[in-house]
Amino acid sequence: MNTIKLEPKRSRFMALLLTTLLTFPFLSACGSKQSSAPPPTVDDTRAGSVQNNRVPPATPEAKKGLSTTQKVGITLVGAAALYYLYRQHQNKQEQGQQGKYYLSKNGRVYYRDAQNRAHWVTPPPEGIKVPESEAARYRDFQGYNNQTTGRDLTGLPEATSPVPAQ
């Protein structure tokens, strides 16, 4: 009779143990706060990465309809090029490199990919050719027509998005 009494206790203990072990993953997954936080930032500015923010070369057909003031191109590099790229992408609805760009409070431009990871944007080293009529708004920034003086992107009124987590 002792063996009969031990069996129900052992069975209850094993059932309780298995129930606890099987419900633990479900309970621990429900309380996770990491799912709401965006993934870490991807820094594409480091060596070995390829950044494709280059403006495609203009075709002869595209230049036919331009006026003489639009044909004169100003090269934007550095902060001026970043601000130009930001302004070109700030109202887009898509995600990713061709989608919406954000300006962080630290004066850097980034976009978010499909996994909501932030990618820092770097202007092409050769600069961006912009028609003079468009380039006038970037005259005060570093890199306007290859100038080394001027302001950077910190403190701009539209720089309201926080710095993405690194």
N, C-alpha and C. Protein backbone atom coordinates (compact mmCIF):
# COMPACT_ATOMS: atom_id res chain seq x y z
N MET A 1 0.80 -1.19 0.00
CA MET A 1 0.00 0.00 0.00
C MET A 1 0.85 1.27 0.00
N ASN A 2 2.02 1.21 0.53
CA ASN A 2 2.89 2.38 0.51
C ASN A 2 3.23 2.80 -0.91
N THR A 3 3.40 1.86 -1.79
CA THR A 3 3.71 2.21 -3.17
C THR A 3 2.55 2.90 -3.85
N ILE A 4 1.34 2.56 -3.45
CA ILE A 4 0.17 3.20 -4.05
C ILE A 4 0.10 4.66 -3.62
N LYS A 5 0.40 5.00 -2.37
CA LYS A 5 0.35 6.37 -1.89
C LYS A 5 1.47 7.22 -2.49
N LEU A 6 2.63 6.64 -2.75
CA LEU A 6 3.76 7.38 -3.31
C LEU A 6 3.52 7.73 -4.77
N GLU A 7 2.83 6.88 -5.49
CA GLU A 7 2.59 7.14 -6.91
C GLU A 7 1.79 8.42 -7.14
N PRO A 8 0.68 8.68 -6.46
CA PRO A 8 -0.05 9.93 -6.70
C PRO A 8 0.78 11.16 -6.33
N LYS A 9 1.58 11.13 -5.27
CA LYS A 9 2.41 12.27 -4.91
C LYS A 9 3.47 12.53 -5.97
N ARG A 10 4.08 11.47 -6.45
CA ARG A 10 5.10 11.60 -7.48
C ARG A 10 4.48 12.11 -8.78
N SER A 11 3.30 11.62 -9.10
CA SER A 11 2.62 12.06 -10.32
C SER A 11 2.24 13.54 -10.23
N ARG A 12 1.72 13.95 -9.05
CA ARG A 12 1.38 15.36 -8.86
C ARG A 12 2.61 16.25 -8.98
N PHE A 13 3.69 15.82 -8.35
CA PHE A 13 4.93 16.59 -8.41
C PHE A 13 5.43 16.72 -9.85
N MET A 14 5.43 15.65 -10.60
CA MET A 14 5.87 15.68 -12.00
C MET A 14 4.94 16.55 -12.85
N ALA A 15 3.63 16.48 -12.60
CA ALA A 15 2.68 17.30 -13.35
C ALA A 15 2.89 18.78 -13.05
N LEU A 16 3.12 19.11 -11.77
CA LEU A 16 3.37 20.48 -11.39
C LEU A 16 4.68 20.99 -12.00
N LEU A 17 5.71 20.16 -11.96
CA LEU A 17 7.00 20.52 -12.53
C LEU A 17 6.89 20.76 -14.03
N LEU A 18 6.26 19.86 -14.74
CA LEU A 18 6.11 20.01 -16.19
C LEU A 18 5.25 21.22 -16.54
N THR A 19 4.19 21.47 -15.79
CA THR A 19 3.35 22.64 -16.04
C THR A 19 4.13 23.93 -15.87
N THR A 20 4.94 23.98 -14.80
CA THR A 20 5.75 25.18 -14.55
C THR A 20 6.78 25.37 -15.65
N LEU A 21 7.45 24.31 -16.04
CA LEU A 21 8.47 24.41 -17.08
C LEU A 21 7.88 24.79 -18.44
N LEU A 22 6.70 24.31 -18.74
CA LEU A 22 6.09 24.61 -20.02
C LEU A 22 5.48 26.01 -20.08
N THR A 23 5.04 26.56 -18.96
CA THR A 23 4.45 27.90 -18.98
C THR A 23 5.49 29.00 -18.80
N PHE A 24 6.66 28.68 -18.35
CA PHE A 24 7.70 29.69 -18.14
C PHE A 24 8.06 30.47 -19.41
N PRO A 25 8.26 29.82 -20.57
CA PRO A 25 8.57 30.60 -21.78
C PRO A 25 7.46 31.57 -22.18
N PHE A 26 6.21 31.18 -21.98
CA PHE A 26 5.10 32.06 -22.34
C PHE A 26 5.04 33.27 -21.42
N LEU A 27 5.24 33.05 -20.14
CA LEU A 27 5.19 34.16 -19.18
C LEU A 27 6.37 35.10 -19.36
N SER A 28 7.54 34.57 -19.64
CA SER A 28 8.70 35.44 -19.79
C SER A 28 8.63 36.23 -21.10
N ALA A 29 8.00 35.70 -22.13
CA ALA A 29 7.88 36.41 -23.40
C ALA A 29 6.86 37.54 -23.32
N CYS A 30 5.85 37.41 -22.50
CA CYS A 30 4.81 38.44 -22.40
C CYS A 30 5.31 39.71 -21.74
N GLY A 31 6.22 39.62 -20.83
CA GLY A 31 6.69 40.79 -20.11
C GLY A 31 7.89 41.46 -20.73
N SER A 32 8.30 41.05 -21.91
CA SER A 32 9.50 41.61 -22.53
C SER A 32 9.25 43.01 -23.04
N LYS A 33 10.11 43.95 -22.67
CA LYS A 33 9.99 45.33 -23.14
C LYS A 33 10.86 45.57 -24.36
N GLN A 34 11.66 44.64 -24.75
CA GLN A 34 12.56 44.83 -25.89
C GLN A 34 11.82 44.87 -27.22
N SER A 35 10.64 44.29 -27.28
CA SER A 35 9.92 44.26 -28.55
C SER A 35 9.46 45.66 -28.98
N SER A 36 9.23 46.57 -28.02
CA SER A 36 8.78 47.90 -28.39
C SER A 36 9.95 48.83 -28.73
N ALA A 37 11.14 48.51 -28.28
CA ALA A 37 12.30 49.36 -28.56
C ALA A 37 12.83 49.05 -29.96
N PRO A 38 13.26 50.08 -30.68
CA PRO A 38 13.81 49.82 -32.02
C PRO A 38 15.15 49.10 -31.91
N PRO A 39 15.50 48.33 -32.93
CA PRO A 39 16.78 47.64 -32.92
C PRO A 39 17.93 48.64 -32.95
N PRO A 40 19.14 48.19 -32.67
CA PRO A 40 20.28 49.11 -32.64
C PRO A 40 20.55 49.74 -34.00
N THR A 41 21.22 50.88 -33.96
CA THR A 41 21.55 51.63 -35.16
C THR A 41 22.63 50.92 -35.97
N VAL A 42 22.50 50.95 -37.27
CA VAL A 42 23.51 50.41 -38.16
C VAL A 42 24.34 51.58 -38.67
N ASP A 43 25.64 51.56 -38.42
CA ASP A 43 26.50 52.66 -38.84
C ASP A 43 27.16 52.30 -40.16
N ASP A 44 26.60 52.82 -41.24
CA ASP A 44 27.11 52.54 -42.58
C ASP A 44 28.30 53.42 -42.94
N THR A 45 28.72 54.29 -42.03
CA THR A 45 29.81 55.21 -42.33
C THR A 45 31.17 54.59 -42.10
N ARG A 46 31.23 53.42 -41.52
CA ARG A 46 32.51 52.78 -41.24
C ARG A 46 33.09 52.15 -42.49
N ALA A 47 34.40 51.92 -42.46
CA ALA A 47 35.09 51.33 -43.62
C ALA A 47 34.53 49.95 -43.93
N GLY A 48 34.49 49.62 -45.18
CA GLY A 48 34.02 48.31 -45.60
C GLY A 48 32.57 48.30 -46.01
N SER A 49 31.83 49.33 -45.69
CA SER A 49 30.43 49.38 -46.10
C SER A 49 30.31 50.18 -47.38
N VAL A 50 29.27 49.89 -48.11
CA VAL A 50 29.04 50.59 -49.37
C VAL A 50 27.81 51.44 -49.21
N GLN A 51 27.94 52.70 -49.47
CA GLN A 51 26.82 53.62 -49.39
C GLN A 51 26.49 54.08 -50.80
N ASN A 52 25.23 53.97 -51.18
CA ASN A 52 24.85 54.31 -52.54
C ASN A 52 23.88 55.49 -52.53
N ASN A 53 24.36 56.65 -52.11
CA ASN A 53 23.54 57.86 -52.13
C ASN A 53 23.90 58.75 -53.31
N ARG A 54 24.57 58.24 -54.26
CA ARG A 54 25.03 59.06 -55.39
C ARG A 54 23.87 59.44 -56.29
N VAL A 55 23.95 60.63 -56.78
CA VAL A 55 22.96 61.10 -57.73
C VAL A 55 23.32 60.54 -59.09
N PRO A 56 22.38 59.91 -59.79
CA PRO A 56 22.71 59.36 -61.10
C PRO A 56 23.11 60.47 -62.07
N PRO A 57 24.03 60.17 -62.97
CA PRO A 57 24.45 61.19 -63.92
C PRO A 57 23.29 61.60 -64.82
N ALA A 58 23.25 62.87 -65.14
CA ALA A 58 22.17 63.39 -65.98
C ALA A 58 22.37 62.93 -67.42
N THR A 59 21.28 62.56 -68.03
CA THR A 59 21.34 62.13 -69.42
C THR A 59 21.20 63.35 -70.32
N PRO A 60 21.69 63.28 -71.54
CA PRO A 60 21.55 64.43 -72.44
C PRO A 60 20.10 64.85 -72.66
N GLU A 61 19.17 63.90 -72.64
CA GLU A 61 17.77 64.25 -72.83
C GLU A 61 17.26 65.08 -71.67
N ALA A 62 17.75 64.82 -70.46
CA ALA A 62 17.27 65.55 -69.29
C ALA A 62 17.76 66.99 -69.31
N LYS A 63 18.89 67.27 -69.90
CA LYS A 63 19.45 68.62 -69.91
C LYS A 63 18.81 69.51 -70.97
N LYS A 64 18.09 68.94 -71.93
CA LYS A 64 17.53 69.74 -73.02
C LYS A 64 16.56 70.80 -72.52
N GLY A 65 15.73 70.47 -71.52
CA GLY A 65 14.70 71.39 -71.08
C GLY A 65 15.14 72.34 -69.99
N LEU A 66 16.40 72.32 -69.56
CA LEU A 66 16.84 73.19 -68.47
C LEU A 66 17.22 74.56 -68.98
N SER A 67 16.95 75.56 -68.14
CA SER A 67 17.35 76.93 -68.50
C SER A 67 18.84 77.11 -68.20
N THR A 68 19.40 78.24 -68.61
CA THR A 68 20.84 78.47 -68.40
C THR A 68 21.17 78.58 -66.92
N THR A 69 20.26 79.13 -66.10
CA THR A 69 20.56 79.21 -64.66
C THR A 69 20.50 77.84 -64.01
N GLN A 70 19.68 76.94 -64.51
CA GLN A 70 19.60 75.61 -63.94
C GLN A 70 20.76 74.73 -64.39
N LYS A 71 21.37 75.03 -65.52
CA LYS A 71 22.48 74.23 -65.99
C LYS A 71 23.73 74.44 -65.16
N VAL A 72 23.86 75.62 -64.53
CA VAL A 72 25.02 75.89 -63.69
C VAL A 72 24.83 75.07 -62.42
N GLY A 73 25.71 74.13 -62.18
CA GLY A 73 25.60 73.26 -61.03
C GLY A 73 26.50 73.68 -59.90
N ILE A 74 26.02 73.59 -58.68
CA ILE A 74 26.79 73.85 -57.48
C ILE A 74 27.02 72.50 -56.82
N THR A 75 28.23 72.26 -56.38
CA THR A 75 28.54 71.00 -55.72
C THR A 75 28.32 71.16 -54.23
N LEU A 76 27.54 70.26 -53.65
CA LEU A 76 27.30 70.24 -52.22
C LEU A 76 28.01 69.03 -51.63
N VAL A 77 28.81 69.25 -50.60
CA VAL A 77 29.47 68.17 -49.87
C VAL A 77 29.21 68.40 -48.38
N GLY A 78 29.56 67.42 -47.57
CA GLY A 78 29.47 67.57 -46.12
C GLY A 78 28.07 67.86 -45.64
N ALA A 79 27.97 68.86 -44.73
CA ALA A 79 26.69 69.19 -44.10
C ALA A 79 25.67 69.68 -45.13
N ALA A 80 26.11 70.43 -46.11
CA ALA A 80 25.18 70.93 -47.13
C ALA A 80 24.58 69.77 -47.91
N ALA A 81 25.39 68.78 -48.26
CA ALA A 81 24.88 67.61 -49.00
C ALA A 81 23.93 66.79 -48.13
N LEU A 82 24.26 66.63 -46.86
CA LEU A 82 23.38 65.89 -45.95
C LEU A 82 22.03 66.59 -45.82
N TYR A 83 22.07 67.90 -45.67
CA TYR A 83 20.82 68.64 -45.54
C TYR A 83 20.02 68.57 -46.84
N TYR A 84 20.69 68.60 -47.97
CA TYR A 84 20.01 68.45 -49.26
C TYR A 84 19.32 67.08 -49.34
N LEU A 85 20.05 66.01 -48.98
CA LEU A 85 19.47 64.67 -49.01
C LEU A 85 18.29 64.56 -48.06
N TYR A 86 18.43 65.15 -46.87
CA TYR A 86 17.34 65.14 -45.90
C TYR A 86 16.10 65.83 -46.47
N ARG A 87 16.29 67.01 -47.05
CA ARG A 87 15.16 67.77 -47.59
C ARG A 87 14.50 67.02 -48.76
N GLN A 88 15.28 66.28 -49.54
CA GLN A 88 14.72 65.54 -50.67
C GLN A 88 13.87 64.35 -50.20
N HIS A 89 14.20 63.81 -49.02
CA HIS A 89 13.54 62.58 -48.55
C HIS A 89 12.63 62.79 -47.34
N GLN A 90 12.50 63.99 -46.82
CA GLN A 90 11.81 64.18 -45.55
C GLN A 90 10.31 63.89 -45.61
N ASN A 91 9.68 64.00 -46.74
CA ASN A 91 8.24 63.79 -46.82
C ASN A 91 7.85 62.49 -47.50
N LYS A 92 8.80 61.64 -47.80
CA LYS A 92 8.47 60.37 -48.46
C LYS A 92 7.80 59.43 -47.46
N GLN A 93 6.97 58.56 -47.96
CA GLN A 93 6.23 57.64 -47.10
C GLN A 93 6.88 56.27 -47.00
N GLU A 94 7.78 55.95 -47.92
CA GLU A 94 8.40 54.64 -47.93
C GLU A 94 9.43 54.52 -46.80
N GLN A 95 9.88 53.28 -46.58
CA GLN A 95 10.97 53.03 -45.64
C GLN A 95 12.22 52.71 -46.42
N GLY A 96 13.34 52.74 -45.75
CA GLY A 96 14.59 52.34 -46.38
C GLY A 96 15.33 53.51 -46.99
N GLN A 97 16.38 53.20 -47.72
CA GLN A 97 17.29 54.20 -48.26
C GLN A 97 16.60 55.17 -49.22
N GLN A 98 15.59 54.71 -49.93
CA GLN A 98 14.87 55.59 -50.86
C GLN A 98 13.64 56.21 -50.20
N GLY A 99 13.42 55.93 -48.91
CA GLY A 99 12.25 56.43 -48.20
C GLY A 99 12.52 57.69 -47.39
N LYS A 100 11.81 57.81 -46.28
CA LYS A 100 11.86 59.01 -45.45
C LYS A 100 13.17 59.10 -44.67
N TYR A 101 13.76 60.29 -44.65
CA TYR A 101 14.97 60.56 -43.87
C TYR A 101 14.59 61.41 -42.66
N TYR A 102 15.35 61.22 -41.58
CA TYR A 102 15.12 61.95 -40.34
C TYR A 102 16.38 62.72 -39.98
N LEU A 103 16.20 63.83 -39.30
CA LEU A 103 17.31 64.65 -38.83
C LEU A 103 17.35 64.54 -37.32
N SER A 104 18.45 64.00 -36.78
CA SER A 104 18.54 63.82 -35.34
C SER A 104 19.02 65.10 -34.67
N LYS A 105 18.85 65.16 -33.36
CA LYS A 105 19.26 66.34 -32.61
C LYS A 105 20.77 66.53 -32.62
N ASN A 106 21.53 65.47 -32.87
CA ASN A 106 22.98 65.61 -32.91
C ASN A 106 23.49 66.06 -34.28
N GLY A 107 22.58 66.39 -35.19
CA GLY A 107 22.98 66.93 -36.48
C GLY A 107 23.32 65.89 -37.53
N ARG A 108 22.85 64.67 -37.35
CA ARG A 108 23.09 63.63 -38.35
C ARG A 108 21.77 63.23 -39.00
N VAL A 109 21.87 62.72 -40.20
CA VAL A 109 20.70 62.31 -40.97
C VAL A 109 20.67 60.78 -41.00
N TYR A 110 19.49 60.21 -40.84
CA TYR A 110 19.35 58.76 -40.88
C TYR A 110 18.02 58.37 -41.49
N TYR A 111 17.92 57.08 -41.88
CA TYR A 111 16.65 56.51 -42.34
C TYR A 111 16.43 55.21 -41.61
N ARG A 112 15.25 54.69 -41.64
CA ARG A 112 14.93 53.42 -40.98
C ARG A 112 14.61 52.37 -42.05
N ASP A 113 15.11 51.16 -41.83
CA ASP A 113 14.85 50.08 -42.77
C ASP A 113 13.56 49.34 -42.36
N ALA A 114 13.25 48.25 -43.05
CA ALA A 114 12.02 47.51 -42.80
C ALA A 114 11.98 46.92 -41.39
N GLN A 115 13.15 46.66 -40.79
CA GLN A 115 13.21 46.15 -39.42
C GLN A 115 13.26 47.28 -38.39
N ASN A 116 13.03 48.51 -38.82
CA ASN A 116 13.03 49.72 -37.99
C ASN A 116 14.41 50.06 -37.42
N ARG A 117 15.47 49.55 -38.04
CA ARG A 117 16.83 49.91 -37.62
C ARG A 117 17.22 51.21 -38.29
N ALA A 118 17.88 52.07 -37.54
CA ALA A 118 18.33 53.35 -38.09
C ALA A 118 19.66 53.16 -38.81
N HIS A 119 19.79 53.77 -39.97
CA HIS A 119 21.03 53.75 -40.77
C HIS A 119 21.47 55.20 -40.96
N TRP A 120 22.69 55.51 -40.56
CA TRP A 120 23.23 56.86 -40.77
C TRP A 120 23.47 57.08 -42.25
N VAL A 121 23.18 58.26 -42.72
CA VAL A 121 23.38 58.62 -44.13
C VAL A 121 24.67 59.41 -44.24
N THR A 122 25.49 59.05 -45.20
CA THR A 122 26.71 59.81 -45.48
C THR A 122 26.64 60.30 -46.92
N PRO A 123 26.98 61.55 -47.15
CA PRO A 123 26.95 62.05 -48.52
C PRO A 123 28.09 61.44 -49.33
N PRO A 124 27.94 61.34 -50.64
CA PRO A 124 29.02 60.80 -51.46
C PRO A 124 30.25 61.70 -51.38
N PRO A 125 31.44 61.12 -51.37
CA PRO A 125 32.67 61.91 -51.23
C PRO A 125 32.87 62.91 -52.37
N GLU A 126 32.38 62.61 -53.55
CA GLU A 126 32.55 63.53 -54.68
C GLU A 126 31.51 64.65 -54.66
N GLY A 127 30.57 64.60 -53.72
CA GLY A 127 29.56 65.63 -53.60
C GLY A 127 28.35 65.37 -54.46
N ILE A 128 27.41 66.28 -54.39
CA ILE A 128 26.17 66.18 -55.15
C ILE A 128 26.04 67.45 -55.98
N LYS A 129 25.85 67.30 -57.28
CA LYS A 129 25.64 68.45 -58.17
C LYS A 129 24.17 68.85 -58.08
N VAL A 130 23.95 70.12 -57.76
CA VAL A 130 22.60 70.65 -57.60
C VAL A 130 22.48 71.91 -58.44
N PRO A 131 21.35 72.12 -59.13
CA PRO A 131 21.17 73.37 -59.87
C PRO A 131 21.29 74.57 -58.93
N GLU A 132 21.82 75.65 -59.44
CA GLU A 132 22.09 76.83 -58.61
C GLU A 132 20.82 77.35 -57.93
N SER A 133 19.70 77.26 -58.62
CA SER A 133 18.45 77.74 -58.04
C SER A 133 18.06 76.95 -56.79
N GLU A 134 18.33 75.65 -56.79
CA GLU A 134 18.04 74.81 -55.63
C GLU A 134 19.10 74.95 -54.55
N ALA A 135 20.34 75.18 -54.96
CA ALA A 135 21.45 75.20 -54.02
C ALA A 135 21.47 76.44 -53.14
N ALA A 136 20.75 77.49 -53.51
CA ALA A 136 20.80 78.75 -52.77
C ALA A 136 20.41 78.57 -51.31
N ARG A 137 19.48 77.68 -50.99
CA ARG A 137 19.05 77.50 -49.60
C ARG A 137 20.11 76.82 -48.74
N TYR A 138 21.15 76.26 -49.35
CA TYR A 138 22.21 75.57 -48.60
C TYR A 138 23.48 76.42 -48.50
N ARG A 139 23.41 77.67 -48.91
CA ARG A 139 24.56 78.57 -48.98
C ARG A 139 25.26 78.75 -47.63
N ASP A 140 24.53 78.71 -46.53
CA ASP A 140 25.11 78.95 -45.21
C ASP A 140 25.76 77.71 -44.59
N PHE A 141 25.64 76.55 -45.23
CA PHE A 141 26.11 75.31 -44.63
C PHE A 141 27.52 74.95 -45.09
N GLN A 142 28.23 74.22 -44.22
CA GLN A 142 29.55 73.70 -44.58
C GLN A 142 29.39 72.79 -45.78
N GLY A 143 30.26 72.95 -46.74
CA GLY A 143 30.22 72.09 -47.92
C GLY A 143 29.50 72.70 -49.10
N TYR A 144 28.91 73.89 -48.96
CA TYR A 144 28.28 74.55 -50.10
C TYR A 144 29.37 74.97 -51.06
N ASN A 145 29.32 74.46 -52.26
CA ASN A 145 30.32 74.73 -53.29
C ASN A 145 31.75 74.47 -52.76
N ASN A 146 31.87 73.39 -51.99
CA ASN A 146 33.14 72.92 -51.40
C ASN A 146 33.74 73.87 -50.37
N GLN A 147 32.97 74.79 -49.80
CA GLN A 147 33.52 75.68 -48.78
C GLN A 147 33.65 74.93 -47.46
N THR A 148 34.66 75.26 -46.69
CA THR A 148 34.93 74.57 -45.43
C THR A 148 34.32 75.28 -44.23
N THR A 149 33.83 76.48 -44.41
CA THR A 149 33.21 77.20 -43.30
C THR A 149 31.70 77.18 -43.45
N GLY A 150 31.02 77.52 -42.38
CA GLY A 150 29.56 77.55 -42.40
C GLY A 150 29.00 76.75 -41.26
N ARG A 151 27.71 76.67 -41.20
CA ARG A 151 27.07 75.96 -40.10
C ARG A 151 26.89 74.49 -40.40
N ASP A 152 26.72 73.70 -39.32
CA ASP A 152 26.43 72.28 -39.49
C ASP A 152 24.93 72.07 -39.26
N LEU A 153 24.51 70.83 -39.07
CA LEU A 153 23.08 70.54 -38.99
C LEU A 153 22.54 70.53 -37.56
N THR A 154 23.38 70.80 -36.57
CA THR A 154 22.87 70.82 -35.19
C THR A 154 22.10 72.11 -34.96
N GLY A 155 21.05 72.00 -34.20
CA GLY A 155 20.24 73.17 -33.85
C GLY A 155 19.23 73.59 -34.88
N LEU A 156 19.03 72.82 -35.93
CA LEU A 156 18.00 73.17 -36.91
C LEU A 156 16.62 72.94 -36.29
N PRO A 157 15.64 73.76 -36.61
CA PRO A 157 14.33 73.62 -35.99
C PRO A 157 13.67 72.26 -36.26
N GLU A 158 13.94 71.67 -37.42
CA GLU A 158 13.30 70.38 -37.72
C GLU A 158 14.03 69.20 -37.11
N ALA A 159 15.13 69.43 -36.41
CA ALA A 159 15.88 68.35 -35.77
C ALA A 159 15.23 68.00 -34.44
N THR A 160 14.08 67.34 -34.51
CA THR A 160 13.34 67.02 -33.32
C THR A 160 13.38 65.54 -32.98
N SER A 161 13.81 64.70 -33.90
CA SER A 161 13.84 63.27 -33.60
C SER A 161 15.05 62.96 -32.75
N PRO A 162 14.89 62.12 -31.72
CA PRO A 162 16.01 61.82 -30.86
C PRO A 162 17.08 61.03 -31.59
N VAL A 163 18.25 61.00 -31.03
CA VAL A 163 19.35 60.24 -31.61
C VAL A 163 19.02 58.76 -31.51
N PRO A 164 19.06 57.99 -32.61
CA PRO A 164 18.76 56.57 -32.56
C PRO A 164 19.76 55.85 -31.65
N ALA A 165 19.30 54.83 -30.98
CA ALA A 165 20.17 54.04 -30.09
C ALA A 165 21.28 53.41 -30.90
N GLN A 166 22.47 53.45 -30.35
CA GLN A 166 23.63 52.90 -31.06
C GLN A 166 23.81 51.45 -30.78
